Each structure stands twice: as structure tokens, then as C-alpha cells.
Amino acid sequence: KLSDQLLVDLRHLDGSTLYQCVLGLSLADYTVGSYKTDTNA
């Protein structure tokens, strides 16, 4: 559902949540399937 860009509104939250947001969104592209030859991700 996501395009190449995303806007995250953090104006109502503190810097700790910004850290959590960046950490989580960044970790989400990890995959254990690096040895698969056919991926449809």
C-alpha cells in the first residue's frame, strides 16, 4: 500500500518516539530469505 515516500507526523510526540519510528521502519526491510532464488517481495 505504500509508495516510495511516506510522511510520519510526530509533532505530538517526543524525540524518543522519533528514535523508535526510525529504528522500526529501518529494521522492517530485513529478511531471513537471503538465500532464496525466487522472491516476490
Full PDB file with SEQRES, HELIX, SHEET, SSBOND, CRYST1, ORIGX, SCALE, CONECT and MASTER records, all heavy atoms in Angstrom:
SEQRES   1 A   41  LYS LEU SER ASP GLN LEU LEU VAL ASP LEU ARG HIS LEU          
SEQRES   2 A   41  ASP GLY SER THR LEU TYR GLN CYS VAL LEU GLY LEU SER          
SEQRES   3 A   41  LEU ALA ASP TYR THR VAL GLY SER TYR LYS THR ASP THR          
SEQRES   4 A   41  ASN ALA                                                      
HELIX    1 AA1 GLY A   15  LEU A   27  1                                  13    
CRYST1    1.000    1.000    1.000  90.00  90.00  90.00 P 1           1          
ORIGX1      1.000000  0.000000  0.000000        0.00000                         
ORIGX2      0.000000  1.000000  0.000000        0.00000                         
ORIGX3      0.000000  0.000000  1.000000        0.00000                         
SCALE1      1.000000  0.000000  0.000000        0.00000                         
SCALE2      0.000000  1.000000  0.000000        0.00000                         
SCALE3      0.000000  0.000000  1.000000        0.00000                         
ATOM      1  N   LYS A   1       0.811  -1.216   0.000  1.00  0.00           N  
ATOM      2  CA  LYS A   1       0.000   0.000   0.000  1.00  0.00           C  
ATOM      3  C   LYS A   1       0.849   1.273   0.000  1.00  0.00           C  
ATOM      4  O   LYS A   1       0.339   2.354  -0.262  1.00  0.00           O  
ATOM      5  CB  LYS A   1      -0.916   0.020   1.229  1.00  0.00           C  
ATOM      6  CG  LYS A   1      -1.922  -1.117   1.261  1.00  0.00           C  
ATOM      7  CD  LYS A   1      -2.767  -1.033   2.519  1.00  0.00           C  
ATOM      8  CE  LYS A   1      -3.746  -2.189   2.605  1.00  0.00           C  
ATOM      9  NZ  LYS A   1      -4.564  -2.132   3.843  1.00  0.00           N  
ATOM     10  N   LEU A   2       2.134   1.131   0.299  1.00  0.00           N  
ATOM     11  CA  LEU A   2       2.994   2.299   0.405  1.00  0.00           C  
ATOM     12  C   LEU A   2       3.645   2.626  -0.927  1.00  0.00           C  
ATOM     13  O   LEU A   2       4.003   1.723  -1.693  1.00  0.00           O  
ATOM     14  CB  LEU A   2       4.076   2.065   1.471  1.00  0.00           C  
ATOM     15  CG  LEU A   2       3.586   1.871   2.903  1.00  0.00           C  
ATOM     16  CD1 LEU A   2       4.753   1.552   3.820  1.00  0.00           C  
ATOM     17  CD2 LEU A   2       2.841   3.094   3.402  1.00  0.00           C  
ATOM     18  N   SER A   3       3.817   3.905  -1.193  1.00  0.00           N  
ATOM     19  CA  SER A   3       4.550   4.347  -2.368  1.00  0.00           C  
ATOM     20  C   SER A   3       6.023   4.493  -1.983  1.00  0.00           C  
ATOM     21  O   SER A   3       6.457   3.978  -0.946  1.00  0.00           O  
ATOM     22  CB  SER A   3       3.987   5.675  -2.869  1.00  0.00           C  
ATOM     23  OG  SER A   3       4.170   6.690  -1.892  1.00  0.00           O  
ATOM     24  N   ASP A   4       6.785   5.204  -2.786  1.00  0.00           N  
ATOM     25  CA  ASP A   4       8.202   5.355  -2.475  1.00  0.00           C  
ATOM     26  C   ASP A   4       8.447   6.380  -1.367  1.00  0.00           C  
ATOM     27  O   ASP A   4       9.551   6.484  -0.850  1.00  0.00           O  
ATOM     28  CB  ASP A   4       8.991   5.737  -3.727  1.00  0.00           C  
ATOM     29  CG  ASP A   4       8.525   7.050  -4.336  1.00  0.00           C  
ATOM     30  OD1 ASP A   4       7.407   7.487  -4.029  1.00  0.00           O  
ATOM     31  OD2 ASP A   4       9.296   7.634  -5.133  1.00  0.00           O  
ATOM     32  N   GLN A   5       7.418   7.172  -0.998  1.00  0.00           N  
ATOM     33  CA  GLN A   5       7.572   8.177   0.044  1.00  0.00           C  
ATOM     34  C   GLN A   5       6.512   7.992   1.135  1.00  0.00           C  
ATOM     35  O   GLN A   5       5.409   7.525   0.866  1.00  0.00           O  
ATOM     36  CB  GLN A   5       7.438   9.584  -0.540  1.00  0.00           C  
ATOM     37  CG  GLN A   5       8.506   9.954  -1.548  1.00  0.00           C  
ATOM     38  CD  GLN A   5       8.340  11.393  -2.004  1.00  0.00           C  
ATOM     39  OE1 GLN A   5       8.542  12.329  -1.219  1.00  0.00           O  
ATOM     40  NE2 GLN A   5       7.964  11.570  -3.251  1.00  0.00           N  
ATOM     41  N   LEU A   6       6.896   8.378   2.356  1.00  0.00           N  
ATOM     42  CA  LEU A   6       5.971   8.312   3.482  1.00  0.00           C  
ATOM     43  C   LEU A   6       6.220   9.526   4.373  1.00  0.00           C  
ATOM     44  O   LEU A   6       7.370   9.892   4.638  1.00  0.00           O  
ATOM     45  CB  LEU A   6       6.182   7.033   4.289  1.00  0.00           C  
ATOM     46  CG  LEU A   6       5.311   6.841   5.543  1.00  0.00           C  
ATOM     47  CD1 LEU A   6       3.843   6.671   5.158  1.00  0.00           C  
ATOM     48  CD2 LEU A   6       5.797   5.640   6.362  1.00  0.00           C  
ATOM     49  N   LEU A   7       5.137  10.142   4.816  1.00  0.00           N  
ATOM     50  CA  LEU A   7       5.206  11.238   5.779  1.00  0.00           C  
ATOM     51  C   LEU A   7       4.758  10.708   7.136  1.00  0.00           C  
ATOM     52  O   LEU A   7       3.695  10.101   7.240  1.00  0.00           O  
ATOM     53  CB  LEU A   7       4.297  12.393   5.337  1.00  0.00           C  
ATOM     54  CG  LEU A   7       4.168  13.575   6.309  1.00  0.00           C  
ATOM     55  CD1 LEU A   7       5.491  14.316   6.426  1.00  0.00           C  
ATOM     56  CD2 LEU A   7       3.056  14.509   5.861  1.00  0.00           C  
ATOM     57  N   VAL A   8       5.588  10.908   8.147  1.00  0.00           N  
ATOM     58  CA  VAL A   8       5.227  10.480   9.504  1.00  0.00           C  
ATOM     59  C   VAL A   8       5.068  11.719  10.371  1.00  0.00           C  
ATOM     60  O   VAL A   8       6.008  12.498  10.535  1.00  0.00           O  
ATOM     61  CB  VAL A   8       6.300   9.553  10.111  1.00  0.00           C  
ATOM     62  CG1 VAL A   8       5.837   9.053  11.490  1.00  0.00           C  
ATOM     63  CG2 VAL A   8       6.587   8.375   9.192  1.00  0.00           C  
ATOM     64  N   ASP A   9       3.875  11.922  10.893  1.00  0.00           N  
ATOM     65  CA  ASP A   9       3.598  13.089  11.731  1.00  0.00           C  
ATOM     66  C   ASP A   9       3.935  12.759  13.185  1.00  0.00           C  
ATOM     67  O   ASP A   9       3.280  11.941  13.824  1.00  0.00           O  
ATOM     68  CB  ASP A   9       2.134  13.496  11.614  1.00  0.00           C  
ATOM     69  CG  ASP A   9       1.873  14.885  12.188  1.00  0.00           C  
ATOM     70  OD1 ASP A   9       2.601  15.276  13.121  1.00  0.00           O  
ATOM     71  OD2 ASP A   9       0.964  15.574  11.690  1.00  0.00           O  
ATOM     72  N   LEU A  10       4.976  13.417  13.684  1.00  0.00           N  
ATOM     73  CA  LEU A  10       5.441  13.176  15.052  1.00  0.00           C  
ATOM     74  C   LEU A  10       5.346  14.434  15.906  1.00  0.00           C  
ATOM     75  O   LEU A  10       5.948  14.511  16.974  1.00  0.00           O  
ATOM     76  CB  LEU A  10       6.900  12.686  15.019  1.00  0.00           C  
ATOM     77  CG  LEU A  10       7.150  11.343  14.337  1.00  0.00           C  
ATOM     78  CD1 LEU A  10       8.622  11.149  14.057  1.00  0.00           C  
ATOM     79  CD2 LEU A  10       6.617  10.192  15.182  1.00  0.00           C  
ATOM     80  N   ARG A  11       4.583  15.412  15.448  1.00  0.00           N  
ATOM     81  CA  ARG A  11       4.548  16.697  16.145  1.00  0.00           C  
ATOM     82  C   ARG A  11       3.998  16.577  17.561  1.00  0.00           C  
ATOM     83  O   ARG A  11       4.313  17.400  18.421  1.00  0.00           O  
ATOM     84  CB  ARG A  11       3.707  17.701  15.339  1.00  0.00           C  
ATOM     85  CG  ARG A  11       4.400  18.195  14.076  1.00  0.00           C  
ATOM     86  CD  ARG A  11       3.489  19.080  13.256  1.00  0.00           C  
ATOM     87  NE  ARG A  11       2.373  18.332  12.700  1.00  0.00           N  
ATOM     88  CZ  ARG A  11       1.433  18.887  11.917  1.00  0.00           C  
ATOM     89  NH1 ARG A  11       1.502  20.182  11.636  1.00  0.00           N  
ATOM     90  NH2 ARG A  11       0.454  18.140  11.434  1.00  0.00           N  
ATOM     91  N   HIS A  12       3.182  15.581  17.805  1.00  0.00           N  
ATOM     92  CA  HIS A  12       2.564  15.417  19.121  1.00  0.00           C  
ATOM     93  C   HIS A  12       3.349  14.479  20.030  1.00  0.00           C  
ATOM     94  O   HIS A  12       2.908  14.175  21.143  1.00  0.00           O  
ATOM     95  CB  HIS A  12       1.141  14.885  18.968  1.00  0.00           C  
ATOM     96  CG  HIS A  12       1.079  13.605  18.179  1.00  0.00           C  
ATOM     97  ND1 HIS A  12       1.491  13.513  16.877  1.00  0.00           N  
ATOM     98  CD2 HIS A  12       0.650  12.360  18.525  1.00  0.00           C  
ATOM     99  CE1 HIS A  12       1.320  12.267  16.441  1.00  0.00           C  
ATOM    100  NE2 HIS A  12       0.821  11.558  17.437  1.00  0.00           N  
ATOM    101  N   LEU A  13       4.511  14.014  19.549  1.00  0.00           N  
ATOM    102  CA  LEU A  13       5.283  13.033  20.304  1.00  0.00           C  
ATOM    103  C   LEU A  13       6.713  13.532  20.522  1.00  0.00           C  
ATOM    104  O   LEU A  13       7.189  14.434  19.825  1.00  0.00           O  
ATOM    105  CB  LEU A  13       5.293  11.691  19.560  1.00  0.00           C  
ATOM    106  CG  LEU A  13       3.912  11.053  19.369  1.00  0.00           C  
ATOM    107  CD1 LEU A  13       3.986   9.877  18.424  1.00  0.00           C  
ATOM    108  CD2 LEU A  13       3.340  10.628  20.724  1.00  0.00           C  
ATOM    109  N   ASP A  14       7.435  12.893  21.446  1.00  0.00           N  
ATOM    110  CA  ASP A  14       8.780  13.363  21.781  1.00  0.00           C  
ATOM    111  C   ASP A  14       9.849  12.657  20.949  1.00  0.00           C  
ATOM    112  O   ASP A  14       9.555  11.790  20.120  1.00  0.00           O  
ATOM    113  CB  ASP A  14       9.069  13.185  23.278  1.00  0.00           C  
ATOM    114  CG  ASP A  14       9.048  11.719  23.711  1.00  0.00           C  
ATOM    115  OD1 ASP A  14       9.060  10.831  22.837  1.00  0.00           O  
ATOM    116  OD2 ASP A  14       9.022  11.465  24.927  1.00  0.00           O  
ATOM    117  N   GLY A  15      11.110  13.044  21.201  1.00  0.00           N  
ATOM    118  CA  GLY A  15      12.217  12.506  20.423  1.00  0.00           C  
ATOM    119  C   GLY A  15      12.422  11.019  20.587  1.00  0.00           C  
ATOM    120  O   GLY A  15      12.915  10.342  19.673  1.00  0.00           O  
ATOM    121  N   SER A  16      12.038  10.477  21.744  1.00  0.00           N  
ATOM    122  CA  SER A  16      12.193   9.033  21.950  1.00  0.00           C  
ATOM    123  C   SER A  16      11.349   8.243  20.956  1.00  0.00           C  
ATOM    124  O   SER A  16      11.765   7.188  20.469  1.00  0.00           O  
ATOM    125  CB  SER A  16      11.802   8.665  23.380  1.00  0.00           C  
ATOM    126  OG  SER A  16      12.661   9.275  24.311  1.00  0.00           O  
ATOM    127  N   THR A  17      10.166   8.754  20.653  1.00  0.00           N  
ATOM    128  CA  THR A  17       9.322   8.070  19.677  1.00  0.00           C  
ATOM    129  C   THR A  17       9.881   8.231  18.272  1.00  0.00           C  
ATOM    130  O   THR A  17       9.768   7.321  17.446  1.00  0.00           O  
ATOM    131  CB  THR A  17       7.883   8.597  19.738  1.00  0.00           C  
ATOM    132  OG1 THR A  17       7.382   8.419  21.063  1.00  0.00           O  
ATOM    133  CG2 THR A  17       6.980   7.845  18.766  1.00  0.00           C  
ATOM    134  N   LEU A  18      10.509   9.363  17.984  1.00  0.00           N  
ATOM    135  CA  LEU A  18      11.182   9.515  16.694  1.00  0.00           C  
ATOM    136  C   LEU A  18      12.246   8.426  16.539  1.00  0.00           C  
ATOM    137  O   LEU A  18      12.365   7.802  15.478  1.00  0.00           O  
ATOM    138  CB  LEU A  18      11.816  10.901  16.588  1.00  0.00           C  
ATOM    139  CG  LEU A  18      12.498  11.239  15.253  1.00  0.00           C  
ATOM    140  CD1 LEU A  18      12.326  12.714  14.915  1.00  0.00           C  
ATOM    141  CD2 LEU A  18      13.996  10.900  15.279  1.00  0.00           C  
ATOM    142  N   TYR A  19      13.023   8.194  17.590  1.00  0.00           N  
ATOM    143  CA  TYR A  19      14.032   7.125  17.574  1.00  0.00           C  
ATOM    144  C   TYR A  19      13.376   5.776  17.293  1.00  0.00           C  
ATOM    145  O   TYR A  19      13.847   4.992  16.449  1.00  0.00           O  
ATOM    146  CB  TYR A  19      14.764   7.095  18.911  1.00  0.00           C  
ATOM    147  CG  TYR A  19      15.688   5.906  19.087  1.00  0.00           C  
ATOM    148  CD1 TYR A  19      17.014   5.964  18.698  1.00  0.00           C  
ATOM    149  CD2 TYR A  19      15.212   4.713  19.642  1.00  0.00           C  
ATOM    150  CE1 TYR A  19      17.851   4.871  18.854  1.00  0.00           C  
ATOM    151  CE2 TYR A  19      16.036   3.619  19.802  1.00  0.00           C  
ATOM    152  CZ  TYR A  19      17.364   3.706  19.412  1.00  0.00           C  
ATOM    153  OH  TYR A  19      18.179   2.608  19.558  1.00  0.00           O  
ATOM    154  N   GLN A  20      12.283   5.482  18.004  1.00  0.00           N  
ATOM    155  CA  GLN A  20      11.586   4.210  17.825  1.00  0.00           C  
ATOM    156  C   GLN A  20      11.050   4.070  16.401  1.00  0.00           C  
ATOM    157  O   GLN A  20      11.090   2.996  15.807  1.00  0.00           O  
ATOM    158  CB  GLN A  20      10.438   4.107  18.831  1.00  0.00           C  
ATOM    159  CG  GLN A  20      10.853   4.148  20.287  1.00  0.00           C  
ATOM    160  CD  GLN A  20      11.557   2.887  20.738  1.00  0.00           C  
ATOM    161  OE1 GLN A  20      11.302   1.802  20.222  1.00  0.00           O  
ATOM    162  NE2 GLN A  20      12.459   3.017  21.687  1.00  0.00           N  
ATOM    163  N   CYS A  21      10.543   5.171  15.852  1.00  0.00           N  
ATOM    164  CA  CYS A  21       9.999   5.170  14.496  1.00  0.00           C  
ATOM    165  C   CYS A  21      11.073   4.849  13.465  1.00  0.00           C  
ATOM    166  O   CYS A  21      10.896   3.986  12.604  1.00  0.00           O  
ATOM    167  CB  CYS A  21       9.356   6.527  14.206  1.00  0.00           C  
ATOM    168  SG  CYS A  21       8.866   6.777  12.493  1.00  0.00           S  
ATOM    169  N   VAL A  22      12.193   5.556  13.539  1.00  0.00           N  
ATOM    170  CA  VAL A  22      13.288   5.346  12.583  1.00  0.00           C  
ATOM    171  C   VAL A  22      13.849   3.937  12.723  1.00  0.00           C  
ATOM    172  O   VAL A  22      14.109   3.251  11.723  1.00  0.00           O  
ATOM    173  CB  VAL A  22      14.384   6.404  12.788  1.00  0.00           C  
ATOM    174  CG1 VAL A  22      15.598   6.111  11.904  1.00  0.00           C  
ATOM    175  CG2 VAL A  22      13.838   7.799  12.491  1.00  0.00           C  
ATOM    176  N   LEU A  23      14.028   3.477  13.962  1.00  0.00           N  
ATOM    177  CA  LEU A  23      14.550   2.130  14.194  1.00  0.00           C  
ATOM    178  C   LEU A  23      13.614   1.089  13.598  1.00  0.00           C  
ATOM    179  O   LEU A  23      14.043   0.192  12.856  1.00  0.00           O  
ATOM    180  CB  LEU A  23      14.729   1.900  15.697  1.00  0.00           C  
ATOM    181  CG  LEU A  23      15.268   0.531  16.118  1.00  0.00           C  
ATOM    182  CD1 LEU A  23      16.673   0.312  15.573  1.00  0.00           C  
ATOM    183  CD2 LEU A  23      15.263   0.397  17.643  1.00  0.00           C  
ATOM    184  N   GLY A  24      12.323   1.198  13.895  1.00  0.00           N  
ATOM    185  CA  GLY A  24      11.373   0.189  13.428  1.00  0.00           C  
ATOM    186  C   GLY A  24      11.199   0.174  11.929  1.00  0.00           C  
ATOM    187  O   GLY A  24      11.237  -0.899  11.296  1.00  0.00           O  
ATOM    188  N   LEU A  25      11.000   1.341  11.320  1.00  0.00           N  
ATOM    189  CA  LEU A  25      10.830   1.388   9.865  1.00  0.00           C  
ATOM    190  C   LEU A  25      12.079   0.894   9.150  1.00  0.00           C  
ATOM    191  O   LEU A  25      11.996   0.271   8.083  1.00  0.00           O  
ATOM    192  CB  LEU A  25      10.490   2.810   9.414  1.00  0.00           C  
ATOM    193  CG  LEU A  25       9.119   3.350   9.840  1.00  0.00           C  
ATOM    194  CD1 LEU A  25       8.944   4.790   9.344  1.00  0.00           C  
ATOM    195  CD2 LEU A  25       7.984   2.469   9.297  1.00  0.00           C  
ATOM    196  N   SER A  26      13.248   1.165   9.725  1.00  0.00           N  
ATOM    197  CA  SER A  26      14.503   0.716   9.113  1.00  0.00           C  
ATOM    198  C   SER A  26      14.697  -0.788   9.241  1.00  0.00           C  
ATOM    199  O   SER A  26      15.163  -1.452   8.308  1.00  0.00           O  
ATOM    200  CB  SER A  26      15.688   1.445   9.748  1.00  0.00           C  
ATOM    201  OG  SER A  26      15.611   2.830   9.547  1.00  0.00           O  
ATOM    202  N   LEU A  27      14.348  -1.342  10.401  1.00  0.00           N  
ATOM    203  CA  LEU A  27      14.523  -2.784  10.614  1.00  0.00           C  
ATOM    204  C   LEU A  27      13.561  -3.613   9.775  1.00  0.00           C  
ATOM    205  O   LEU A  27      13.839  -4.773   9.457  1.00  0.00           O  
ATOM    206  CB  LEU A  27      14.321  -3.127  12.088  1.00  0.00           C  
ATOM    207  CG  LEU A  27      15.388  -2.663  13.074  1.00  0.00           C  
ATOM    208  CD1 LEU A  27      14.971  -3.002  14.501  1.00  0.00           C  
ATOM    209  CD2 LEU A  27      16.739  -3.292  12.755  1.00  0.00           C  
ATOM    210  N   ALA A  28      12.439  -3.016   9.386  1.00  0.00           N  
ATOM    211  CA  ALA A  28      11.354  -3.787   8.770  1.00  0.00           C  
ATOM    212  C   ALA A  28      11.720  -4.406   7.436  1.00  0.00           C  
ATOM    213  O   ALA A  28      11.058  -5.354   6.997  1.00  0.00           O  
ATOM    214  CB  ALA A  28      10.123  -2.901   8.604  1.00  0.00           C  
ATOM    215  N   ASP A  29      12.765  -3.910   6.773  1.00  0.00           N  
ATOM    216  CA  ASP A  29      13.101  -4.490   5.474  1.00  0.00           C  
ATOM    217  C   ASP A  29      14.059  -5.685   5.587  1.00  0.00           C  
ATOM    218  O   ASP A  29      14.467  -6.258   4.591  1.00  0.00           O  
ATOM    219  CB  ASP A  29      13.660  -3.435   4.522  1.00  0.00           C  
ATOM    220  CG  ASP A  29      15.006  -2.876   4.958  1.00  0.00           C  
ATOM    221  OD1 ASP A  29      15.591  -3.385   5.928  1.00  0.00           O  
ATOM    222  OD2 ASP A  29      15.479  -1.910   4.316  1.00  0.00           O  
ATOM    223  N   TYR A  30      14.405  -6.081   6.841  1.00  0.00           N  
ATOM    224  CA  TYR A  30      15.252  -7.260   6.990  1.00  0.00           C  
ATOM    225  C   TYR A  30      14.485  -8.508   6.587  1.00  0.00           C  
ATOM    226  O   TYR A  30      13.296  -8.653   6.886  1.00  0.00           O  
ATOM    227  CB  TYR A  30      15.735  -7.410   8.431  1.00  0.00           C  
ATOM    228  CG  TYR A  30      16.499  -8.699   8.625  1.00  0.00           C  
ATOM    229  CD1 TYR A  30      17.780  -8.852   8.093  1.00  0.00           C  
ATOM    230  CD2 TYR A  30      15.929  -9.781   9.284  1.00  0.00           C  
ATOM    231  CE1 TYR A  30      18.471 -10.047   8.228  1.00  0.00           C  
ATOM    232  CE2 TYR A  30      16.612 -10.973   9.438  1.00  0.00           C  
ATOM    233  CZ  TYR A  30      17.880 -11.102   8.906  1.00  0.00           C  
ATOM    234  OH  TYR A  30      18.555 -12.294   9.023  1.00  0.00           O  
ATOM    235  N   THR A  31      15.169  -9.405   5.921  1.00  0.00           N  
ATOM    236  CA  THR A  31      14.559 -10.681   5.556  1.00  0.00           C  
ATOM    237  C   THR A  31      15.535 -11.817   5.823  1.00  0.00           C  
ATOM    238  O   THR A  31      16.745 -11.676   5.580  1.00  0.00           O  
ATOM    239  CB  THR A  31      14.145 -10.702   4.074  1.00  0.00           C  
ATOM    240  OG1 THR A  31      13.673 -12.011   3.736  1.00  0.00           O  
ATOM    241  CG2 THR A  31      15.298 -10.339   3.158  1.00  0.00           C  
ATOM    242  N   VAL A  32      15.010 -12.917   6.330  1.00  0.00           N  
ATOM    243  CA  VAL A  32      15.854 -14.092   6.539  1.00  0.00           C  
ATOM    244  C   VAL A  32      16.042 -14.866   5.236  1.00  0.00           C  
ATOM    245  O   VAL A  32      16.847 -15.784   5.170  1.00  0.00           O  
ATOM    246  CB  VAL A  32      15.255 -15.037   7.603  1.00  0.00           C  
ATOM    247  CG1 VAL A  32      15.177 -14.356   8.948  1.00  0.00           C  
ATOM    248  CG2 VAL A  32      13.895 -15.550   7.177  1.00  0.00           C  
ATOM    249  N   GLY A  33      15.301 -14.486   4.194  1.00  0.00           N  
ATOM    250  CA  GLY A  33      15.317 -15.257   2.946  1.00  0.00           C  
ATOM    251  C   GLY A  33      16.377 -14.846   1.968  1.00  0.00           C  
ATOM    252  O   GLY A  33      16.158 -14.870   0.743  1.00  0.00           O  
ATOM    253  N   SER A  34      17.551 -14.486   2.451  1.00  0.00           N  
ATOM    254  CA  SER A  34      18.611 -14.014   1.554  1.00  0.00           C  
ATOM    255  C   SER A  34      19.176 -15.119   0.660  1.00  0.00           C  
ATOM    256  O   SER A  34      19.872 -14.839  -0.313  1.00  0.00           O  
ATOM    257  CB  SER A  34      19.746 -13.381   2.367  1.00  0.00           C  
ATOM    258  OG  SER A  34      20.265 -14.306   3.304  1.00  0.00           O  
ATOM    259  N   TYR A  35      18.868 -16.367   0.990  1.00  0.00           N  
ATOM    260  CA  TYR A  35      19.369 -17.478   0.171  1.00  0.00           C  
ATOM    261  C   TYR A  35      18.309 -17.981  -0.815  1.00  0.00           C  
ATOM    262  O   TYR A  35      18.549 -18.931  -1.548  1.00  0.00           O  
ATOM    263  CB  TYR A  35      19.840 -18.630   1.066  1.00  0.00           C  
ATOM    264  CG  TYR A  35      21.086 -18.286   1.854  1.00  0.00           C  
ATOM    265  CD1 TYR A  35      20.998 -17.613   3.066  1.00  0.00           C  
ATOM    266  CD2 TYR A  35      22.358 -18.619   1.386  1.00  0.00           C  
ATOM    267  CE1 TYR A  35      22.124 -17.279   3.789  1.00  0.00           C  
ATOM    268  CE2 TYR A  35      23.497 -18.300   2.103  1.00  0.00           C  
ATOM    269  CZ  TYR A  35      23.372 -17.628   3.301  1.00  0.00           C  
ATOM    270  OH  TYR A  35      24.497 -17.293   4.019  1.00  0.00           O  
ATOM    271  N   LYS A  36      17.130 -17.362  -0.821  1.00  0.00           N  
ATOM    272  CA  LYS A  36      16.087 -17.770  -1.753  1.00  0.00           C  
ATOM    273  C   LYS A  36      16.412 -17.259  -3.154  1.00  0.00           C  
ATOM    274  O   LYS A  36      16.917 -16.151  -3.333  1.00  0.00           O  
ATOM    275  CB  LYS A  36      14.731 -17.228  -1.304  1.00  0.00           C  
ATOM    276  CG  LYS A  36      14.202 -17.892  -0.040  1.00  0.00           C  
ATOM    277  CD  LYS A  36      12.788 -17.417   0.272  1.00  0.00           C  
ATOM    278  CE  LYS A  36      12.221 -18.150   1.482  1.00  0.00           C  
ATOM    279  NZ  LYS A  36      10.826 -17.750   1.773  1.00  0.00           N  
ATOM    280  N   THR A  37      16.097 -18.073  -4.143  1.00  0.00           N  
ATOM    281  CA  THR A  37      16.363 -17.672  -5.534  1.00  0.00           C  
ATOM    282  C   THR A  37      15.151 -17.035  -6.188  1.00  0.00           C  
ATOM    283  O   THR A  37      15.259 -16.399  -7.229  1.00  0.00           O  
ATOM    284  CB  THR A  37      16.799 -18.896  -6.371  1.00  0.00           C  
ATOM    285  OG1 THR A  37      15.769 -19.902  -6.298  1.00  0.00           O  
ATOM    286  CG2 THR A  37      18.106 -19.467  -5.839  1.00  0.00           C  
ATOM    287  N   ASP A  38      13.976 -17.195  -5.589  1.00  0.00           N  
ATOM    288  CA  ASP A  38      12.750 -16.644  -6.174  1.00  0.00           C  
ATOM    289  C   ASP A  38      12.005 -15.872  -5.091  1.00  0.00           C  
ATOM    290  O   ASP A  38      11.412 -16.445  -4.191  1.00  0.00           O  
ATOM    291  CB  ASP A  38      11.861 -17.771  -6.720  1.00  0.00           C  
ATOM    292  CG  ASP A  38      10.604 -17.216  -7.391  1.00  0.00           C  
ATOM    293  OD1 ASP A  38      10.589 -16.011  -7.726  1.00  0.00           O  
ATOM    294  OD2 ASP A  38       9.642 -17.981  -7.575  1.00  0.00           O  
ATOM    295  N   THR A  39      12.074 -14.546  -5.168  1.00  0.00           N  
ATOM    296  CA  THR A  39      11.388 -13.721  -4.179  1.00  0.00           C  
ATOM    297  C   THR A  39      10.423 -12.777  -4.879  1.00  0.00           C  
ATOM    298  O   THR A  39      10.713 -12.242  -5.941  1.00  0.00           O  
ATOM    299  CB  THR A  39      12.398 -12.885  -3.368  1.00  0.00           C  
ATOM    300  OG1 THR A  39      13.152 -12.051  -4.257  1.00  0.00           O  
ATOM    301  CG2 THR A  39      13.353 -13.783  -2.604  1.00  0.00           C  
ATOM    302  N   ASN A  40       9.284 -12.588  -4.251  1.00  0.00           N  
ATOM    303  CA  ASN A  40       8.261 -11.696  -4.801  1.00  0.00           C  
ATOM    304  C   ASN A  40       8.000 -10.518  -3.862  1.00  0.00           C  
ATOM    305  O   ASN A  40       6.921  -9.938  -3.864  1.00  0.00           O  
ATOM    306  CB  ASN A  40       6.948 -12.469  -5.022  1.00  0.00           C  
ATOM    307  CG  ASN A  40       7.115 -13.551  -6.070  1.00  0.00           C  
ATOM    308  OD1 ASN A  40       7.649 -13.298  -7.142  1.00  0.00           O  
ATOM    309  ND2 ASN A  40       6.680 -14.770  -5.746  1.00  0.00           N  
ATOM    310  N   ALA A  41       8.999 -10.180  -3.063  1.00  0.00           N  
ATOM    311  CA  ALA A  41       8.820  -9.098  -2.095  1.00  0.00           C  
ATOM    312  C   ALA A  41       8.581  -7.778  -2.817  1.00  0.00           C  
ATOM    313  O   ALA A  41       9.230  -7.464  -3.812  1.00  0.00           O  
ATOM    314  CB  ALA A  41      10.052  -9.004  -1.208  1.00  0.00           C  
TER     315      ALA A  41                                                      
MASTER        0    0    0    1    0    0    0    6  314    1    0    4          
END                                                                             
